[in-house]
Amino acid sequence: MSLPLMMLSDWHVIVLLFIVVLLFGGKKLPEVARGLGEAMREFKKASRDIHDDPQPTASKPTITPPSSAVAAPQQPSEPKQG
């Protein structure tokens, strides 16, 4: 059961912020917020890209090695008799 954020009172928000500060510490909070902001920007960019280009590419190009790197098949050698 999830509660909408609007149902939280002021005291609930204060208690949650206090717990977050205790968990991460005051010095670490700006780093956490910055990382969260960057992650949200990347997510929005990716979802916008998917929305703008809904057609998947038909076929991906295959990478073939240069002809000099491809070895010619060898004939099986005869067993040596000792």
Protein backbone atom coordinates (compact mmCIF):
# COMPACT_ATOMS: atom_id res chain seq x y z
CA MET A 1 0.00 0.00 0.00
CA SER A 2 1.60 3.24 -1.08
CA LEU A 3 0.80 6.62 0.36
CA PRO A 4 0.75 9.63 -1.89
CA LEU A 5 3.29 12.26 -0.95
CA MET A 6 0.50 14.76 -0.33
CA MET A 7 -0.74 12.75 2.65
CA LEU A 8 2.50 13.30 4.59
CA SER A 9 2.30 15.92 7.28
CA ASP A 10 5.06 18.39 8.07
CA TRP A 11 6.26 16.22 10.94
CA HIS A 12 6.56 13.20 8.70
CA VAL A 13 8.74 15.12 6.26
CA ILE A 14 10.93 16.47 9.08
CA VAL A 15 11.41 12.98 10.54
CA LEU A 16 12.27 11.56 7.10
CA LEU A 17 14.81 14.32 6.45
CA PHE A 18 16.35 13.73 9.88
CA ILE A 19 16.71 10.01 9.14
CA VAL A 20 18.30 10.75 5.75
CA VAL A 21 20.81 13.12 7.37
CA LEU A 22 21.65 10.48 9.97
CA LEU A 23 22.16 7.82 7.31
CA PHE A 24 24.23 9.80 4.83
CA GLY A 25 25.70 12.60 6.92
CA GLY A 26 25.59 16.30 6.13
CA LYS A 27 28.75 16.28 4.01
CA LYS A 28 27.60 13.41 1.79
CA LEU A 29 24.12 14.82 1.01
CA PRO A 30 25.22 17.21 -1.80
CA GLU A 31 26.98 14.31 -3.56
CA VAL A 32 23.91 12.11 -3.21
CA ALA A 33 21.63 14.87 -4.52
CA ARG A 34 23.98 15.59 -7.44
CA GLY A 35 24.13 11.91 -8.40
CA LEU A 36 20.35 11.62 -8.14
CA GLY A 37 19.92 14.67 -10.37
CA GLU A 38 22.31 13.28 -12.99
CA ALA A 39 20.52 9.93 -12.95
CA MET A 40 17.15 11.63 -13.42
CA ARG A 41 18.51 13.68 -16.35
CA GLU A 42 19.90 10.56 -18.03
CA PHE A 43 16.62 8.72 -17.49
CA LYS A 44 14.59 11.59 -18.96
CA LYS A 45 16.97 11.83 -21.93
CA ALA A 46 16.72 8.10 -22.61
CA SER A 47 12.94 8.08 -22.33
CA ARG A 48 12.73 11.12 -24.61
CA ASP A 49 14.99 9.40 -27.16
CA ILE A 50 12.83 6.27 -27.07
CA HIS A 51 9.67 8.34 -27.45
CA ASP A 52 11.10 10.33 -30.38
CA ASP A 53 12.38 7.23 -32.23
CA PRO A 54 9.90 4.39 -31.62
CA GLN A 55 10.99 2.42 -34.72
CA PRO A 56 13.78 -0.04 -33.91
CA THR A 57 16.53 -0.36 -36.44
CA ALA A 58 15.86 -3.09 -39.01
CA SER A 59 19.26 -4.69 -38.84
CA LYS A 60 22.46 -3.89 -37.08
CA PRO A 61 25.65 -3.85 -39.12
CA THR A 62 27.83 -6.86 -38.59
CA ILE A 63 31.52 -6.44 -37.93
CA THR A 64 33.70 -8.59 -40.15
CA PRO A 65 37.40 -9.05 -39.50
CA PRO A 66 39.88 -7.96 -42.16
CA SER A 67 40.66 -10.61 -44.78
CA SER A 68 44.24 -10.95 -43.52
CA ALA A 69 42.94 -12.01 -40.10
CA VAL A 70 40.83 -14.85 -41.49
CA ALA A 71 42.82 -18.07 -41.59
CA ALA A 72 42.35 -20.50 -44.47
CA PRO A 73 41.04 -23.92 -43.49
CA GLN A 74 43.82 -26.47 -43.15
CA GLN A 75 43.76 -30.05 -44.38
CA PRO A 76 43.89 -32.65 -41.63
CA SER A 77 47.42 -33.96 -41.30
CA GLU A 78 48.20 -37.64 -41.47
CA PRO A 79 49.16 -39.25 -38.18
CA LYS A 80 52.86 -39.82 -37.83
CA GLN A 81 53.97 -43.39 -37.45
CA GLY A 82 56.63 -43.93 -34.90
